[in-house]
C-alpha cells in the first residue's frame, strides 16, 4: 500500500503570488492541485472545473448541509470550499495534494487535518504587493484599499503556519517549497509506521526477539 500523501496548504495575502507559485510547482513536481468550489462569478478566461467549480449559493449551501466540503469560508461576500472526498481520496492513494486557499480556509483545514504542511507566502514588500494587485486590472479603488488593508491583518496569522516563503522570484519561492516538501517526507513521524511494518523488519524482529 502506498504511503499517505502530503496535504500542502499554501496561502497568504491577495497578490502575494500563490497561484503563480502553485502553477510552477505543478510543472516541476508530481502534485495534484485541488480545485475549489466558489459562488463568485468567473473572471475573464477562467474555466469551470479547471480554475474553480462555479456554483450558485443555493447549491453551495446544499453541499455544506451534506458535509461535502473539507473546508469552506466566506471571503469578500463570496463563498469558497474544498470538495472533501477528492482531497482524501488523493491522499490515501499516496498523491501529494496542494490546496491554494485563503487564510480563513487554511486555519479550518489545520483544525481538521493538523498533519498537513502549512506554508505562508509573503510578498517582498507591501509596496510590491500593492503594485501586483493594481496590475491585475480587476479591482476598483475601493476594493483595492479593502484588499490592501486586509493584507496587513492577514500577515499577523503567519505564526499559525509551519513555514514562510518570500516570493521575491517564482524560481526562488518554488525551490524553497520543494526543499520543504523533501524535508517533510524525511520526518520520522511520517516514515516510522511504513518502515516498521515492512516484511524485512518483521523477519528480523522474529529472529532476534
N, C-alpha and C. Protein backbone atom coordinates (compact mmCIF):
# COMPACT_ATOMS: atom_id res chain seq x y z
N UNK A 1 0.85 -1.20 0.00
CA UNK A 1 0.00 0.00 0.00
C UNK A 1 0.89 1.24 0.00
N UNK A 2 0.59 2.25 -0.84
CA UNK A 2 1.45 3.44 -0.90
C UNK A 2 1.38 4.26 0.37
N UNK A 3 2.47 4.97 0.68
CA UNK A 3 2.47 5.87 1.83
C UNK A 3 1.45 6.97 1.59
N UNK A 4 0.89 7.46 2.67
CA UNK A 4 -0.11 8.53 2.55
C UNK A 4 0.55 9.78 2.01
N UNK A 5 -0.17 10.49 1.14
CA UNK A 5 0.37 11.71 0.55
C UNK A 5 0.38 12.86 1.53
N UNK A 6 1.11 13.91 1.17
CA UNK A 6 1.16 15.13 1.97
C UNK A 6 0.05 16.08 1.54
N UNK A 7 -0.58 16.71 2.50
CA UNK A 7 -1.51 17.79 2.21
C UNK A 7 -0.75 19.10 2.40
N UNK A 8 -0.53 19.82 1.31
CA UNK A 8 0.26 21.05 1.32
C UNK A 8 -0.68 22.23 1.17
N UNK A 9 -0.79 23.03 2.20
CA UNK A 9 -1.70 24.17 2.19
C UNK A 9 -0.89 25.44 1.98
N UNK A 10 -1.18 26.13 0.88
CA UNK A 10 -0.46 27.37 0.55
C UNK A 10 -1.44 28.53 0.57
N UNK A 11 -1.11 29.54 1.38
CA UNK A 11 -1.97 30.72 1.43
C UNK A 11 -1.12 31.93 1.78
N UNK A 12 -1.77 33.08 1.85
CA UNK A 12 -1.08 34.33 2.11
C UNK A 12 -1.94 35.47 1.59
N UNK A 13 -1.46 36.69 1.70
CA UNK A 13 -2.26 37.85 1.27
C UNK A 13 -2.57 37.81 -0.23
N UNK A 14 -3.70 38.38 -0.59
CA UNK A 14 -4.05 38.52 -2.00
C UNK A 14 -2.98 39.32 -2.72
N UNK A 15 -2.47 38.77 -3.84
CA UNK A 15 -1.42 39.45 -4.60
C UNK A 15 -0.02 38.98 -4.28
N UNK A 16 0.12 38.03 -3.33
CA UNK A 16 1.45 37.54 -2.96
C UNK A 16 2.04 36.60 -4.01
N UNK A 17 1.19 36.10 -4.91
CA UNK A 17 1.69 35.23 -5.97
C UNK A 17 1.47 33.75 -5.74
N UNK A 18 0.49 33.40 -4.91
CA UNK A 18 0.23 32.00 -4.59
C UNK A 18 -0.11 31.18 -5.83
N UNK A 19 -0.98 31.73 -6.67
CA UNK A 19 -1.41 30.99 -7.86
C UNK A 19 -0.26 30.72 -8.82
N UNK A 20 0.59 31.70 -9.03
CA UNK A 20 1.74 31.55 -9.93
C UNK A 20 2.70 30.50 -9.39
N UNK A 21 2.93 30.52 -8.08
CA UNK A 21 3.81 29.53 -7.45
C UNK A 21 3.24 28.13 -7.60
N UNK A 22 1.96 27.97 -7.38
CA UNK A 22 1.34 26.65 -7.48
C UNK A 22 1.42 26.11 -8.91
N UNK A 23 1.21 26.96 -9.90
CA UNK A 23 1.32 26.52 -11.29
C UNK A 23 2.73 26.03 -11.60
N UNK A 24 3.74 26.75 -11.08
CA UNK A 24 5.13 26.35 -11.30
C UNK A 24 5.43 25.03 -10.58
N UNK A 25 4.89 24.86 -9.38
CA UNK A 25 5.10 23.61 -8.65
C UNK A 25 4.51 22.42 -9.40
N UNK A 26 3.34 22.62 -9.98
CA UNK A 26 2.68 21.54 -10.71
C UNK A 26 3.48 21.11 -11.93
N UNK A 27 4.19 22.04 -12.53
CA UNK A 27 5.02 21.71 -13.70
C UNK A 27 6.27 20.94 -13.32
N UNK A 28 6.80 21.23 -12.12
CA UNK A 28 8.09 20.64 -11.74
C UNK A 28 7.96 19.43 -10.82
N UNK A 29 6.77 19.18 -10.29
CA UNK A 29 6.60 18.10 -9.31
C UNK A 29 5.33 17.29 -9.62
N UNK A 30 5.28 16.09 -9.06
CA UNK A 30 4.12 15.23 -9.23
C UNK A 30 3.10 15.54 -8.13
N UNK A 31 2.44 16.67 -8.28
CA UNK A 31 1.49 17.13 -7.29
C UNK A 31 0.10 17.21 -7.91
N UNK A 32 -0.92 17.10 -7.05
CA UNK A 32 -2.30 17.22 -7.51
C UNK A 32 -2.90 18.47 -6.88
N UNK A 33 -3.38 19.38 -7.72
CA UNK A 33 -3.97 20.62 -7.24
C UNK A 33 -5.47 20.44 -7.06
N UNK A 34 -5.92 20.64 -5.84
CA UNK A 34 -7.34 20.55 -5.57
C UNK A 34 -8.05 21.77 -6.12
N UNK A 35 -9.14 21.54 -6.83
CA UNK A 35 -9.94 22.62 -7.39
C UNK A 35 -11.06 22.97 -6.41
N UNK A 36 -11.12 24.23 -6.04
CA UNK A 36 -12.12 24.68 -5.08
C UNK A 36 -13.44 25.02 -5.76
N UNK A 37 -14.49 25.01 -4.97
CA UNK A 37 -15.80 25.49 -5.43
C UNK A 37 -15.98 26.92 -4.95
N UNK A 38 -16.70 27.73 -5.71
CA UNK A 38 -16.94 29.11 -5.31
C UNK A 38 -18.28 29.61 -5.84
N UNK A 39 -18.82 30.60 -5.13
CA UNK A 39 -20.07 31.22 -5.56
C UNK A 39 -19.81 32.51 -6.34
N UNK A 40 -18.55 32.93 -6.45
CA UNK A 40 -18.29 34.18 -7.18
C UNK A 40 -18.38 33.95 -8.68
N UNK A 41 -18.54 35.04 -9.42
CA UNK A 41 -18.62 34.97 -10.87
C UNK A 41 -17.24 34.68 -11.47
N UNK A 42 -17.19 33.93 -12.58
CA UNK A 42 -15.90 33.66 -13.22
C UNK A 42 -15.26 34.94 -13.75
N UNK A 43 -13.94 35.04 -13.62
CA UNK A 43 -13.20 36.13 -14.24
C UNK A 43 -12.90 35.76 -15.69
N UNK A 44 -12.49 36.75 -16.44
CA UNK A 44 -12.20 36.52 -17.86
C UNK A 44 -11.16 35.42 -18.02
N UNK A 45 -11.51 34.40 -18.81
CA UNK A 45 -10.58 33.32 -19.10
C UNK A 45 -10.66 32.14 -18.15
N UNK A 46 -11.38 32.26 -17.04
CA UNK A 46 -11.50 31.15 -16.11
C UNK A 46 -12.47 30.09 -16.63
N UNK A 47 -12.14 28.82 -16.36
CA UNK A 47 -12.92 27.70 -16.88
C UNK A 47 -13.48 26.90 -15.71
N UNK A 48 -14.78 26.59 -15.78
CA UNK A 48 -15.42 25.80 -14.74
C UNK A 48 -14.81 24.40 -14.69
N UNK A 49 -14.43 23.96 -13.48
CA UNK A 49 -13.83 22.65 -13.30
C UNK A 49 -12.32 22.66 -13.41
N UNK A 50 -11.76 23.74 -13.94
CA UNK A 50 -10.31 23.86 -14.05
C UNK A 50 -9.79 24.88 -13.06
N UNK A 51 -10.33 26.09 -13.11
CA UNK A 51 -9.94 27.13 -12.14
C UNK A 51 -10.72 26.99 -10.84
N UNK A 52 -12.03 26.83 -10.97
CA UNK A 52 -12.93 26.62 -9.84
C UNK A 52 -14.12 25.82 -10.32
N UNK A 53 -14.87 25.26 -9.37
CA UNK A 53 -16.21 24.78 -9.65
C UNK A 53 -17.14 25.94 -9.31
N UNK A 54 -17.69 26.59 -10.32
CA UNK A 54 -18.57 27.74 -10.10
C UNK A 54 -19.99 27.24 -9.85
N UNK A 55 -20.60 27.71 -8.77
CA UNK A 55 -21.95 27.25 -8.44
C UNK A 55 -22.73 28.36 -7.76
N UNK A 56 -24.03 28.18 -7.73
CA UNK A 56 -24.90 29.16 -7.08
C UNK A 56 -24.78 29.01 -5.56
N UNK A 57 -25.22 30.03 -4.84
CA UNK A 57 -25.19 29.95 -3.38
C UNK A 57 -26.10 28.84 -2.87
N UNK A 58 -27.23 28.63 -3.53
CA UNK A 58 -28.13 27.55 -3.10
C UNK A 58 -27.44 26.20 -3.19
N UNK A 59 -26.75 25.95 -4.32
CA UNK A 59 -26.04 24.68 -4.48
C UNK A 59 -24.91 24.55 -3.46
N UNK A 60 -24.22 25.66 -3.22
CA UNK A 60 -23.11 25.65 -2.26
C UNK A 60 -23.63 25.31 -0.86
N UNK A 61 -24.73 25.93 -0.46
CA UNK A 61 -25.27 25.69 0.88
C UNK A 61 -25.79 24.26 1.01
N UNK A 62 -26.29 23.69 -0.09
CA UNK A 62 -26.72 22.28 -0.06
C UNK A 62 -25.53 21.38 0.27
N UNK A 63 -24.37 21.69 -0.30
CA UNK A 63 -23.17 20.88 -0.05
C UNK A 63 -22.65 21.07 1.37
N UNK A 64 -22.85 22.27 1.93
CA UNK A 64 -22.50 22.47 3.33
C UNK A 64 -23.34 21.57 4.22
N UNK A 65 -24.63 21.52 3.93
CA UNK A 65 -25.55 20.71 4.74
C UNK A 65 -25.23 19.22 4.66
N UNK A 66 -24.72 18.77 3.53
CA UNK A 66 -24.39 17.34 3.37
C UNK A 66 -22.93 17.05 3.70
N UNK A 67 -22.22 18.04 4.27
CA UNK A 67 -20.83 17.88 4.72
C UNK A 67 -19.91 17.44 3.58
N UNK A 68 -20.08 18.06 2.43
CA UNK A 68 -19.29 17.71 1.25
C UNK A 68 -18.02 18.54 1.09
N UNK A 69 -17.76 19.45 2.02
CA UNK A 69 -16.57 20.29 1.92
C UNK A 69 -15.55 19.92 2.99
N UNK A 70 -14.30 19.90 2.58
CA UNK A 70 -13.21 19.70 3.52
C UNK A 70 -13.06 20.95 4.39
N UNK A 71 -13.27 22.09 3.79
CA UNK A 71 -13.32 23.39 4.48
C UNK A 71 -14.10 24.34 3.59
N UNK A 72 -14.64 25.37 4.21
CA UNK A 72 -15.27 26.42 3.41
C UNK A 72 -15.21 27.72 4.20
N UNK A 73 -15.29 28.83 3.48
CA UNK A 73 -15.20 30.14 4.13
C UNK A 73 -15.84 31.19 3.24
N UNK A 74 -16.23 32.28 3.87
CA UNK A 74 -16.74 33.43 3.13
C UNK A 74 -15.63 34.48 3.03
N UNK A 75 -15.36 34.94 1.82
CA UNK A 75 -14.31 35.94 1.58
C UNK A 75 -14.87 37.02 0.67
N UNK A 76 -14.88 38.25 1.16
CA UNK A 76 -15.37 39.39 0.39
C UNK A 76 -16.77 39.15 -0.19
N UNK A 77 -17.63 38.52 0.60
CA UNK A 77 -19.01 38.32 0.20
C UNK A 77 -19.27 37.09 -0.65
N UNK A 78 -18.23 36.36 -1.02
CA UNK A 78 -18.39 35.12 -1.78
C UNK A 78 -17.92 33.93 -0.94
N UNK A 79 -18.42 32.73 -1.29
CA UNK A 79 -18.06 31.52 -0.56
C UNK A 79 -17.11 30.66 -1.38
N UNK A 80 -16.15 30.05 -0.67
CA UNK A 80 -15.17 29.15 -1.29
C UNK A 80 -15.11 27.88 -0.46
N UNK A 81 -14.99 26.74 -1.12
CA UNK A 81 -14.91 25.48 -0.38
C UNK A 81 -14.10 24.44 -1.13
N UNK A 82 -13.53 23.50 -0.40
CA UNK A 82 -12.74 22.42 -0.99
C UNK A 82 -13.51 21.12 -0.91
N UNK A 83 -13.86 20.51 -2.04
CA UNK A 83 -14.58 19.23 -2.03
C UNK A 83 -13.81 18.18 -1.23
N UNK A 84 -14.41 17.67 -0.17
CA UNK A 84 -13.71 16.81 0.78
C UNK A 84 -13.25 15.49 0.18
N UNK A 85 -14.14 14.77 -0.49
CA UNK A 85 -13.81 13.41 -0.88
C UNK A 85 -12.66 13.35 -1.88
N UNK A 86 -12.53 14.36 -2.73
CA UNK A 86 -11.46 14.35 -3.72
C UNK A 86 -10.10 14.48 -3.06
N UNK A 87 -10.00 15.33 -2.04
CA UNK A 87 -8.74 15.52 -1.34
C UNK A 87 -8.35 14.25 -0.59
N UNK A 88 -9.27 13.69 0.19
CA UNK A 88 -8.97 12.50 0.98
C UNK A 88 -8.64 11.30 0.11
N UNK A 89 -9.34 11.17 -1.00
CA UNK A 89 -9.08 10.06 -1.92
C UNK A 89 -7.66 10.14 -2.48
N UNK A 90 -7.25 11.34 -2.88
CA UNK A 90 -5.91 11.52 -3.43
C UNK A 90 -4.85 11.24 -2.37
N UNK A 91 -5.04 11.72 -1.15
CA UNK A 91 -4.07 11.49 -0.08
C UNK A 91 -3.92 10.01 0.25
N UNK A 92 -5.03 9.31 0.32
CA UNK A 92 -4.98 7.89 0.65
C UNK A 92 -4.29 7.08 -0.44
N UNK A 93 -4.35 7.55 -1.69
CA UNK A 93 -3.70 6.84 -2.79
C UNK A 93 -2.21 7.14 -2.88
N UNK A 94 -1.72 8.05 -1.99
CA UNK A 94 -0.31 8.38 -1.99
C UNK A 94 0.04 9.65 -2.73
N UNK A 95 -0.96 10.33 -3.30
CA UNK A 95 -0.69 11.58 -4.02
C UNK A 95 -0.50 12.73 -3.04
N UNK A 96 0.44 13.62 -3.36
CA UNK A 96 0.60 14.86 -2.61
C UNK A 96 -0.37 15.89 -3.18
N UNK A 97 -1.10 16.56 -2.31
CA UNK A 97 -2.17 17.46 -2.72
C UNK A 97 -1.84 18.89 -2.30
N UNK A 98 -1.99 19.83 -3.23
CA UNK A 98 -1.84 21.25 -2.91
C UNK A 98 -3.22 21.88 -2.76
N UNK A 99 -3.39 22.61 -1.68
CA UNK A 99 -4.57 23.45 -1.51
C UNK A 99 -4.09 24.90 -1.55
N UNK A 100 -4.52 25.63 -2.54
CA UNK A 100 -4.25 27.07 -2.59
C UNK A 100 -5.51 27.78 -2.13
N UNK A 101 -5.53 28.17 -0.87
CA UNK A 101 -6.75 28.73 -0.29
C UNK A 101 -6.43 29.95 0.56
N UNK A 102 -7.48 30.68 0.92
CA UNK A 102 -7.32 31.87 1.74
C UNK A 102 -7.00 31.46 3.18
N UNK A 103 -6.65 32.43 3.98
CA UNK A 103 -6.18 32.17 5.34
C UNK A 103 -7.30 31.59 6.22
N UNK A 104 -8.52 32.09 6.06
CA UNK A 104 -9.64 31.53 6.82
C UNK A 104 -9.76 30.03 6.58
N UNK A 105 -9.70 29.66 5.29
CA UNK A 105 -9.81 28.25 4.93
C UNK A 105 -8.65 27.42 5.45
N UNK A 106 -7.44 27.98 5.38
CA UNK A 106 -6.25 27.26 5.84
C UNK A 106 -6.35 26.93 7.33
N UNK A 107 -6.83 27.88 8.12
CA UNK A 107 -6.94 27.65 9.55
C UNK A 107 -7.99 26.59 9.87
N UNK A 108 -9.04 26.52 9.07
CA UNK A 108 -10.05 25.47 9.27
C UNK A 108 -9.48 24.10 8.91
N UNK A 109 -8.70 24.05 7.83
CA UNK A 109 -8.06 22.79 7.46
C UNK A 109 -7.13 22.33 8.58
N UNK A 110 -6.39 23.26 9.17
CA UNK A 110 -5.45 22.91 10.23
C UNK A 110 -6.16 22.29 11.42
N UNK A 111 -7.36 22.79 11.72
CA UNK A 111 -8.14 22.23 12.82
C UNK A 111 -8.52 20.78 12.53
N UNK A 112 -8.88 20.50 11.27
CA UNK A 112 -9.36 19.17 10.90
C UNK A 112 -8.27 18.23 10.41
N UNK A 113 -7.13 18.81 9.97
CA UNK A 113 -6.05 18.00 9.41
C UNK A 113 -4.71 18.59 9.82
N UNK A 114 -4.35 18.52 11.12
CA UNK A 114 -3.14 19.18 11.62
C UNK A 114 -1.84 18.62 11.06
N UNK A 115 -1.87 17.40 10.50
CA UNK A 115 -0.64 16.83 9.94
C UNK A 115 -0.28 17.40 8.58
N UNK A 116 -1.09 18.34 8.07
CA UNK A 116 -0.77 19.00 6.81
C UNK A 116 0.46 19.88 6.93
N UNK A 117 0.98 20.31 5.77
CA UNK A 117 2.13 21.20 5.71
C UNK A 117 1.60 22.58 5.33
N UNK A 118 1.73 23.54 6.23
CA UNK A 118 1.10 24.85 6.04
C UNK A 118 2.18 25.89 5.72
N UNK A 119 2.07 26.47 4.52
CA UNK A 119 3.08 27.40 4.01
C UNK A 119 2.45 28.76 3.74
N UNK A 120 3.04 29.79 4.31
CA UNK A 120 2.54 31.16 4.15
C UNK A 120 3.44 31.88 3.14
N UNK A 121 2.84 32.38 2.05
CA UNK A 121 3.58 33.09 1.01
C UNK A 121 3.51 34.60 1.26
N UNK A 122 4.68 35.22 1.27
CA UNK A 122 4.78 36.65 1.53
C UNK A 122 5.31 37.38 0.30
N UNK A 123 4.88 38.62 0.08
CA UNK A 123 5.49 39.44 -0.97
C UNK A 123 6.82 39.99 -0.48
N UNK A 124 7.70 40.45 -1.37
CA UNK A 124 8.97 41.04 -0.93
C UNK A 124 8.77 42.29 -0.08
N UNK A 125 7.69 43.03 -0.35
CA UNK A 125 7.37 44.24 0.41
C UNK A 125 5.90 44.56 0.21
N UNK A 126 5.36 45.42 1.06
CA UNK A 126 3.97 45.81 0.91
C UNK A 126 3.78 46.70 -0.31
N UNK A 127 4.81 47.46 -0.67
CA UNK A 127 4.73 48.27 -1.89
C UNK A 127 4.59 47.38 -3.12
N UNK A 128 5.36 46.29 -3.14
CA UNK A 128 5.27 45.35 -4.26
C UNK A 128 3.92 44.66 -4.28
N UNK A 129 3.38 44.35 -3.11
CA UNK A 129 2.06 43.73 -3.03
C UNK A 129 1.01 44.63 -3.66
N UNK A 130 1.04 45.92 -3.32
CA UNK A 130 0.06 46.86 -3.87
C UNK A 130 0.20 46.96 -5.39
N UNK A 131 1.44 46.98 -5.89
CA UNK A 131 1.67 47.06 -7.32
C UNK A 131 1.09 45.83 -8.04
N UNK A 132 1.27 44.65 -7.44
CA UNK A 132 0.76 43.42 -8.06
C UNK A 132 -0.76 43.43 -8.12
N UNK A 133 -1.41 43.89 -7.05
CA UNK A 133 -2.88 43.94 -7.05
C UNK A 133 -3.38 44.92 -8.11
N UNK A 134 -2.73 46.08 -8.21
CA UNK A 134 -3.12 47.08 -9.21
C UNK A 134 -2.97 46.52 -10.63
N UNK A 135 -1.89 45.78 -10.86
CA UNK A 135 -1.61 45.25 -12.20
C UNK A 135 -2.61 44.19 -12.64
N UNK A 136 -3.38 43.63 -11.71
CA UNK A 136 -4.42 42.68 -12.09
C UNK A 136 -5.47 43.35 -12.99
N UNK A 137 -5.72 44.64 -12.71
CA UNK A 137 -6.69 45.38 -13.50
C UNK A 137 -8.12 45.01 -13.24
N UNK A 138 -8.38 44.29 -12.16
CA UNK A 138 -9.75 43.83 -11.88
C UNK A 138 -10.33 44.45 -10.61
N UNK A 139 -9.61 45.41 -10.03
CA UNK A 139 -10.04 45.99 -8.76
C UNK A 139 -10.44 47.45 -8.92
N UNK A 140 -11.52 47.83 -8.24
CA UNK A 140 -11.86 49.24 -8.13
C UNK A 140 -10.97 49.85 -7.04
N UNK A 141 -10.96 51.17 -6.95
CA UNK A 141 -10.16 51.82 -5.92
C UNK A 141 -10.62 51.39 -4.52
N UNK A 142 -11.93 51.22 -4.38
CA UNK A 142 -12.47 50.81 -3.08
C UNK A 142 -12.05 49.39 -2.73
N UNK A 143 -12.18 48.47 -3.68
CA UNK A 143 -11.81 47.08 -3.41
C UNK A 143 -10.30 46.94 -3.23
N UNK A 144 -9.53 47.75 -3.94
CA UNK A 144 -8.07 47.74 -3.79
C UNK A 144 -7.68 48.11 -2.36
N UNK A 145 -8.27 49.19 -1.84
CA UNK A 145 -7.96 49.62 -0.48
C UNK A 145 -8.39 48.56 0.53
N UNK A 146 -9.53 47.91 0.27
CA UNK A 146 -10.02 46.88 1.19
C UNK A 146 -9.06 45.69 1.22
N UNK A 147 -8.59 45.27 0.06
CA UNK A 147 -7.67 44.14 0.00
C UNK A 147 -6.33 44.47 0.64
N UNK A 148 -5.86 45.70 0.41
CA UNK A 148 -4.55 46.09 0.95
C UNK A 148 -4.60 46.16 2.48
N UNK A 149 -5.68 46.72 3.02
CA UNK A 149 -5.83 46.78 4.47
C UNK A 149 -5.95 45.37 5.05
N UNK A 150 -6.66 44.51 4.33
CA UNK A 150 -6.83 43.13 4.79
C UNK A 150 -5.49 42.40 4.82
N UNK A 151 -4.61 42.72 3.87
CA UNK A 151 -3.31 42.06 3.81
C UNK A 151 -2.51 42.30 5.08
N UNK A 152 -2.57 43.52 5.62
CA UNK A 152 -1.85 43.83 6.85
C UNK A 152 -2.35 42.95 8.00
N UNK A 153 -3.67 42.74 8.06
CA UNK A 153 -4.23 41.90 9.11
C UNK A 153 -3.86 40.43 8.89
N UNK A 154 -3.87 40.00 7.64
CA UNK A 154 -3.60 38.58 7.34
C UNK A 154 -2.18 38.18 7.71
N UNK A 155 -1.23 39.06 7.54
CA UNK A 155 0.16 38.74 7.86
C UNK A 155 0.34 38.39 9.34
N UNK A 156 -0.54 38.89 10.18
CA UNK A 156 -0.46 38.56 11.60
C UNK A 156 -0.73 37.09 11.89
N UNK A 157 -1.30 36.36 10.91
CA UNK A 157 -1.59 34.94 11.10
C UNK A 157 -0.41 34.05 10.75
N UNK A 158 0.73 34.64 10.42
CA UNK A 158 1.87 33.85 9.96
C UNK A 158 2.32 32.83 11.01
N UNK A 159 2.13 33.15 12.29
CA UNK A 159 2.56 32.24 13.35
C UNK A 159 1.75 30.94 13.38
N UNK A 160 0.62 30.91 12.68
CA UNK A 160 -0.21 29.70 12.63
C UNK A 160 0.32 28.69 11.61
N UNK A 161 1.31 29.09 10.83
CA UNK A 161 1.82 28.25 9.74
C UNK A 161 3.13 27.58 10.14
N UNK A 162 3.48 26.52 9.41
CA UNK A 162 4.74 25.83 9.65
C UNK A 162 5.93 26.53 9.00
N UNK A 163 5.69 27.14 7.84
CA UNK A 163 6.76 27.75 7.06
C UNK A 163 6.30 29.07 6.45
N UNK A 164 7.27 29.96 6.22
CA UNK A 164 7.02 31.21 5.50
C UNK A 164 8.00 31.29 4.34
N UNK A 165 7.48 31.64 3.16
CA UNK A 165 8.31 31.74 1.95
C UNK A 165 8.07 33.11 1.32
N UNK A 166 9.14 33.88 1.14
CA UNK A 166 9.04 35.18 0.48
C UNK A 166 9.10 34.97 -1.03
N UNK A 167 8.10 35.48 -1.72
CA UNK A 167 8.03 35.33 -3.18
C UNK A 167 8.73 36.51 -3.84
N UNK A 168 10.06 36.53 -3.76
CA UNK A 168 10.82 37.57 -4.46
C UNK A 168 10.89 37.25 -5.95
N UNK A 169 11.17 35.98 -6.26
CA UNK A 169 11.04 35.47 -7.63
C UNK A 169 10.35 34.13 -7.54
N UNK A 170 9.64 33.75 -8.59
CA UNK A 170 8.92 32.47 -8.57
C UNK A 170 9.90 31.32 -8.45
N UNK A 171 11.02 31.40 -9.14
CA UNK A 171 12.01 30.33 -9.10
C UNK A 171 12.50 30.09 -7.67
N UNK A 172 12.84 31.15 -6.96
CA UNK A 172 13.32 31.01 -5.59
C UNK A 172 12.25 30.46 -4.66
N UNK A 173 11.02 30.96 -4.83
CA UNK A 173 9.93 30.50 -3.97
C UNK A 173 9.64 29.02 -4.18
N UNK A 174 9.61 28.61 -5.45
CA UNK A 174 9.36 27.19 -5.76
C UNK A 174 10.47 26.31 -5.22
N UNK A 175 11.71 26.75 -5.36
CA UNK A 175 12.85 25.97 -4.85
C UNK A 175 12.75 25.76 -3.35
N UNK A 176 12.36 26.80 -2.63
CA UNK A 176 12.22 26.69 -1.18
C UNK A 176 11.10 25.73 -0.81
N UNK A 177 9.98 25.80 -1.51
CA UNK A 177 8.86 24.92 -1.19
C UNK A 177 9.21 23.47 -1.51
N UNK A 178 9.91 23.23 -2.60
CA UNK A 178 10.33 21.87 -2.93
C UNK A 178 11.27 21.32 -1.86
N UNK A 179 12.14 22.18 -1.32
CA UNK A 179 13.03 21.76 -0.23
C UNK A 179 12.23 21.42 1.03
N UNK A 180 11.21 22.22 1.30
CA UNK A 180 10.34 21.95 2.45
C UNK A 180 9.67 20.58 2.32
N UNK A 181 9.15 20.28 1.14
CA UNK A 181 8.46 19.01 0.92
C UNK A 181 9.41 17.83 1.03
N UNK A 182 10.63 17.99 0.52
CA UNK A 182 11.63 16.93 0.65
C UNK A 182 11.92 16.64 2.12
N UNK A 183 12.09 17.71 2.92
CA UNK A 183 12.35 17.54 4.35
C UNK A 183 11.16 16.89 5.05
N UNK A 184 9.95 17.30 4.69
CA UNK A 184 8.76 16.74 5.33
C UNK A 184 8.64 15.24 5.08
N UNK A 185 9.02 14.80 3.90
CA UNK A 185 8.93 13.38 3.56
C UNK A 185 9.97 12.54 4.30
N UNK A 186 10.98 13.21 4.89
CA UNK A 186 12.02 12.51 5.65
C UNK A 186 11.76 12.53 7.15
N UNK A 187 10.70 13.16 7.59
CA UNK A 187 10.40 13.22 9.01
C UNK A 187 10.09 11.84 9.56
N UNK A 188 10.66 11.52 10.70
CA UNK A 188 10.50 10.19 11.29
C UNK A 188 9.04 9.88 11.58
N UNK A 189 8.30 10.86 12.07
CA UNK A 189 6.90 10.58 12.41
C UNK A 189 6.06 10.24 11.18
N UNK A 190 6.53 10.62 10.00
CA UNK A 190 5.81 10.25 8.78
C UNK A 190 6.27 8.89 8.24
N UNK A 191 7.50 8.51 8.56
CA UNK A 191 8.09 7.31 7.97
C UNK A 191 8.04 6.08 8.87
N UNK A 192 7.96 6.28 10.18
CA UNK A 192 8.19 5.17 11.09
C UNK A 192 7.23 3.99 10.89
N UNK A 193 5.95 4.28 10.68
CA UNK A 193 4.98 3.19 10.54
C UNK A 193 5.26 2.36 9.29
N UNK A 194 5.53 3.03 8.16
CA UNK A 194 5.77 2.29 6.92
C UNK A 194 7.07 1.50 6.99
N UNK A 195 8.08 2.02 7.71
CA UNK A 195 9.36 1.30 7.85
C UNK A 195 9.22 0.11 8.78
N UNK A 196 8.60 0.34 9.94
CA UNK A 196 8.50 -0.71 10.94
C UNK A 196 7.56 -1.84 10.53
N UNK A 197 6.69 -1.59 9.56
CA UNK A 197 5.73 -2.62 9.15
C UNK A 197 6.21 -3.40 7.92
N UNK A 198 7.42 -3.12 7.44
CA UNK A 198 7.90 -3.85 6.27
C UNK A 198 8.18 -5.30 6.64
N UNK A 199 8.14 -6.17 5.63
CA UNK A 199 8.35 -7.60 5.85
C UNK A 199 9.75 -7.87 6.39
N UNK A 200 10.74 -7.15 5.89
CA UNK A 200 12.12 -7.35 6.32
C UNK A 200 12.28 -7.05 7.80
N UNK A 201 11.70 -5.98 8.27
CA UNK A 201 11.79 -5.62 9.69
C UNK A 201 11.09 -6.66 10.55
N UNK A 202 9.94 -7.15 10.09
CA UNK A 202 9.22 -8.16 10.87
C UNK A 202 10.02 -9.45 11.00
N UNK A 203 10.70 -9.83 9.92
CA UNK A 203 11.51 -11.06 9.95
C UNK A 203 12.64 -10.92 10.96
N UNK A 204 13.34 -9.78 10.92
CA UNK A 204 14.44 -9.57 11.86
C UNK A 204 13.94 -9.50 13.30
N UNK A 205 12.76 -8.95 13.49
CA UNK A 205 12.19 -8.90 14.85
C UNK A 205 11.97 -10.31 15.38
N UNK A 206 11.47 -11.20 14.50
CA UNK A 206 11.23 -12.56 14.90
C UNK A 206 12.53 -13.30 15.19
N UNK A 207 13.57 -13.04 14.40
CA UNK A 207 14.84 -13.73 14.57
C UNK A 207 15.56 -13.32 15.85
N UNK A 208 15.47 -12.02 16.19
CA UNK A 208 16.24 -11.51 17.32
C UNK A 208 15.40 -11.17 18.53
N UNK A 209 14.15 -11.53 18.49
CA UNK A 209 13.28 -11.24 19.63
C UNK A 209 13.66 -12.13 20.84
